Protein backbone atom coordinates (compact mmCIF):
# COMPACT_ATOMS: atom_id res chain seq x y z
CA MET A 1 89.89 105.16 124.38
CA HIS A 2 87.71 108.26 124.32
CA LEU A 3 88.83 111.04 122.00
CA LYS A 4 87.29 114.47 121.69
CA LEU A 5 87.86 116.84 118.79
CA GLU A 6 90.73 118.60 120.53
CA ASP A 7 92.40 115.23 121.20
CA ILE A 8 92.18 114.30 117.53
CA LEU A 9 93.56 117.63 116.37
CA ALA A 10 96.43 117.36 118.86
CA GLN A 11 97.68 114.14 117.26
CA GLU A 12 100.81 114.21 115.09
CA SER A 13 99.72 114.85 111.49
CA MET A 14 100.76 111.51 109.97
CA TYR A 15 99.29 109.57 112.91
CA ARG A 16 96.04 111.51 112.57
CA ARG A 17 95.98 110.87 108.83
CA HIS A 18 96.30 107.10 109.27
CA PHE A 19 93.91 107.03 112.23
CA MET A 20 91.08 108.95 110.56
CA ASN A 21 91.49 107.14 107.23
CA THR A 22 91.31 103.66 108.77
CA LEU A 23 88.69 104.50 111.42
CA PRO A 24 85.60 103.81 109.22
CA GLY A 25 86.96 100.33 108.36
CA PRO A 26 87.59 98.66 104.99
CA ARG A 27 85.83 100.21 102.01
CA GLY A 28 85.75 99.72 98.28
CA VAL A 29 88.91 100.62 96.38
CA HIS A 30 89.03 101.26 92.64
CA MET A 31 91.30 102.57 89.94
CA VAL A 32 89.96 105.52 87.95
CA GLY A 33 91.05 105.65 84.33
CA THR A 34 91.09 108.91 82.35
CA LYS A 35 92.74 110.36 79.27
CA GLY A 36 94.16 113.87 78.93
CA HIS A 37 93.50 116.23 76.03
CA ARG A 38 97.01 115.44 74.74
CA GLY A 39 96.33 111.71 74.77
CA VAL A 40 98.19 110.77 77.98
CA GLU A 41 96.48 107.86 79.76
CA ASN A 42 96.07 108.28 83.52
CA ILE A 43 95.17 105.77 86.23
CA GLY A 44 94.92 106.32 89.99
CA VAL A 45 93.57 104.63 93.13
CA PHE A 46 90.45 106.00 94.88
CA SER A 47 88.65 104.61 97.92
CA SER A 48 85.59 106.82 98.25
CA PHE A 49 83.14 105.53 95.63
CA VAL A 50 79.48 105.33 96.63
CA HIS A 51 76.33 104.16 94.92
CA ILE A 52 73.91 107.05 94.35
CA SER A 53 71.16 105.71 92.11
CA ALA A 54 70.24 102.42 90.44
CA SER A 55 67.32 103.87 88.46
CA SER A 56 67.37 106.12 85.42
CA PRO A 57 70.10 107.20 85.28
CA PRO A 58 72.36 104.89 87.32
CA LEU A 59 74.86 107.10 89.17
CA LEU A 60 78.07 106.56 91.13
CA GLY A 61 80.11 109.20 92.92
CA PHE A 62 83.49 109.71 94.57
CA ILE A 63 85.51 112.27 96.51
CA MET A 64 88.22 114.29 94.80
CA ARG A 65 90.82 115.80 97.11
CA PRO A 66 91.51 119.57 97.06
CA LEU A 67 92.94 121.04 93.88
CA THR A 68 95.86 122.59 95.72
CA VAL A 69 98.16 120.49 93.52
CA PRO A 70 97.59 119.26 89.93
CA ARG A 71 94.91 116.55 89.85
CA ASP A 72 95.15 114.88 86.46
CA THR A 73 92.09 112.72 87.12
CA TYR A 74 89.91 115.75 87.82
CA HIS A 75 91.14 117.83 84.89
CA ASN A 76 90.86 114.89 82.48
CA ILE A 77 87.29 114.15 83.56
CA LYS A 78 86.26 117.79 83.15
CA ALA A 79 87.98 118.03 79.75
CA ASN A 80 86.88 114.74 78.15
CA LYS A 81 83.77 113.89 80.21
CA TRP A 82 84.55 110.14 80.28
CA PHE A 83 86.20 108.07 83.02
CA THR A 84 86.36 104.42 84.08
CA ILE A 85 86.13 102.57 87.40
CA ASN A 86 88.17 99.36 87.71
CA THR A 87 88.30 96.93 90.64
CA LEU A 88 91.51 95.73 92.34
CA HIS A 89 92.44 92.05 92.72
CA PRO A 90 95.34 90.23 94.45
CA ASP A 91 97.23 89.28 91.30
CA PHE A 92 98.05 92.91 90.43
CA LEU A 93 97.70 94.65 93.80
CA GLU A 94 101.30 95.90 93.86
CA GLN A 95 100.93 97.54 90.45
CA ALA A 96 97.57 99.05 91.38
CA HIS A 97 98.93 100.52 94.61
CA GLN A 98 101.93 101.94 92.77
CA THR A 99 99.61 104.10 90.65
CA SER A 100 99.10 106.25 93.78
CA ALA A 101 102.71 107.47 93.51
CA ASN A 102 103.16 111.14 92.66
CA TYR A 103 104.31 110.80 89.06
CA PRO A 104 105.08 114.00 87.10
CA THR A 105 102.27 115.44 85.01
CA GLY A 106 102.47 113.92 81.54
CA THR A 107 103.54 110.50 82.80
CA SER A 108 101.21 107.59 82.11
CA GLU A 109 100.75 105.43 85.20
CA PHE A 110 99.85 102.58 82.86
CA SER A 111 103.34 102.68 81.36
CA ALA A 112 104.99 103.28 84.75
CA THR A 113 103.34 100.29 86.44
CA GLY A 114 102.85 97.83 83.59
CA LEU A 115 99.05 97.79 83.77
CA THR A 116 97.27 97.38 80.43
CA PRO A 117 94.98 100.09 79.01
CA GLU A 118 91.95 98.78 77.16
CA TYR A 119 89.22 100.62 75.25
CA SER A 120 85.66 99.82 74.26
CA GLU A 121 83.91 101.10 71.17
CA ASP A 122 82.11 103.84 73.09
CA CYS A 123 84.25 104.81 76.08
CA LYS A 124 86.86 107.52 75.48
CA ALA A 125 88.78 106.70 78.69
CA PRO A 126 91.00 103.65 79.26
CA TYR A 127 89.90 100.62 81.25
CA VAL A 128 92.35 98.46 83.19
CA ALA A 129 92.40 95.19 81.24
CA GLU A 130 93.46 93.22 84.34
CA SER A 131 90.37 94.30 86.33
CA LYS A 132 87.44 91.90 86.59
CA ILE A 133 84.82 94.65 86.89
CA ARG A 134 85.16 97.61 84.53
CA ILE A 135 82.64 100.46 84.46
CA GLY A 136 82.51 103.29 81.94
CA LEU A 137 80.96 106.59 83.01
CA THR A 138 80.41 110.13 81.82
CA PHE A 139 80.70 113.20 84.03
CA GLU A 140 77.30 114.22 85.39
CA GLU A 141 77.95 116.94 87.98
CA GLU A 142 80.19 118.02 90.85
CA HIS A 143 79.54 119.42 94.31
CA LYS A 144 82.05 121.47 96.25
CA ILE A 145 82.31 120.63 99.95
CA SER A 146 82.75 123.99 101.61
CA GLY A 147 85.61 124.69 103.97
CA ILE A 148 88.02 122.05 102.70
CA GLU A 149 87.91 122.70 98.93
CA THR A 150 87.04 119.07 98.23
CA PHE A 151 84.77 117.95 95.38
CA PHE A 152 82.21 115.18 95.12
CA ILE A 153 82.19 113.95 91.51
CA VAL A 154 79.09 112.24 90.11
CA GLY A 155 79.23 109.99 87.06
CA ARG A 156 76.52 108.40 84.92
CA VAL A 157 77.10 104.70 84.24
CA ARG A 158 77.22 104.06 80.49
CA GLU A 159 78.53 100.49 80.27
CA ILE A 160 79.74 97.64 82.48
CA PHE A 161 82.00 94.65 81.84
CA LEU A 162 82.19 91.75 84.32
CA PRO A 163 82.19 87.91 84.29
CA ASP A 164 78.78 86.28 83.79
CA ALA A 165 79.52 83.79 86.58
CA ALA A 166 79.86 86.62 89.12
CA VAL A 167 76.24 87.77 88.79
CA ALA A 168 73.57 85.82 90.66
CA PRO A 169 70.02 85.40 89.27
CA THR A 170 68.94 88.01 91.85
CA GLY A 171 71.40 90.56 90.43
CA HIS A 172 73.83 90.35 93.35
CA VAL A 173 77.51 90.56 92.34
CA ASP A 174 79.74 87.94 94.01
CA HIS A 175 82.85 89.83 95.05
CA GLU A 176 84.13 86.86 97.04
CA LEU A 177 84.27 84.85 93.81
CA LEU A 178 86.08 87.71 92.06
CA GLU A 179 88.56 88.20 94.96
CA THR A 180 87.80 91.92 94.94
CA MET A 181 90.05 93.98 97.22
CA SER A 182 89.02 96.65 99.73
CA VAL A 183 91.17 99.10 101.69
CA ALA A 184 91.31 100.68 105.14
CA GLY A 185 93.15 103.98 104.95
CA LEU A 186 95.65 104.56 102.16
CA ASP A 187 97.72 101.38 102.24
CA ASN A 188 96.04 98.60 104.27
CA TYR A 189 94.38 96.34 101.69
CA HIS A 190 91.91 93.53 102.43
CA GLN A 191 90.43 90.76 100.34
CA VAL A 192 86.66 90.34 100.45
CA GLY A 193 85.88 87.48 102.84
CA LYS A 194 82.94 85.18 103.38
CA GLY A 195 79.74 87.12 102.87
CA ARG A 196 76.38 86.66 104.53
CA ARG A 197 73.31 87.90 102.70
CA MET A 198 70.35 88.74 104.91
CA PRO A 199 66.66 88.68 103.94
CA TYR A 200 64.96 91.95 103.10
CA ALA A 201 64.12 93.64 106.41
CA ARG A 202 60.46 94.37 107.11
CA PRO A 203 58.69 95.70 110.22
């Protein structure tokens, strides 16, 4: 198969959506927890998180789709400055995926799906208690991607919760042990398989 731009654009819209979303292969998938100014807890699935910096400060970022419809996650982050990142695991995958449904504004996806909100002493946004890795962040900055009205949101890591046994003496996190899920596209979930760590590459 050899597709040029005009071939891609000629595809039926839903086919093109699935094709382009799954083309890069499986990637990390997380639930983002926020809280609205009226106290409504929000949780949603995102699959575009990237590591930006491990130094001072440690930063993570993700893509926010265009604001052509209400985006509770975006507005909550901008209003309250705090949000959480929570990993997906097989034992609650169905509930996690269900949070991507288009619930009416004012509806808590925690209540709708049966996931458990959990708070720390410092973080003003809810964690997902069922998640094995929970990260609390504050809003750092945003960058608008011109032409498609999409935003890249950057957060500063403030605290992390994860099992001691999942962290190697080198600092590597064992996602195979944690049964962390990944996703290709919007609905094709994968479980992290057998990893192979390579030595540091040098010339």
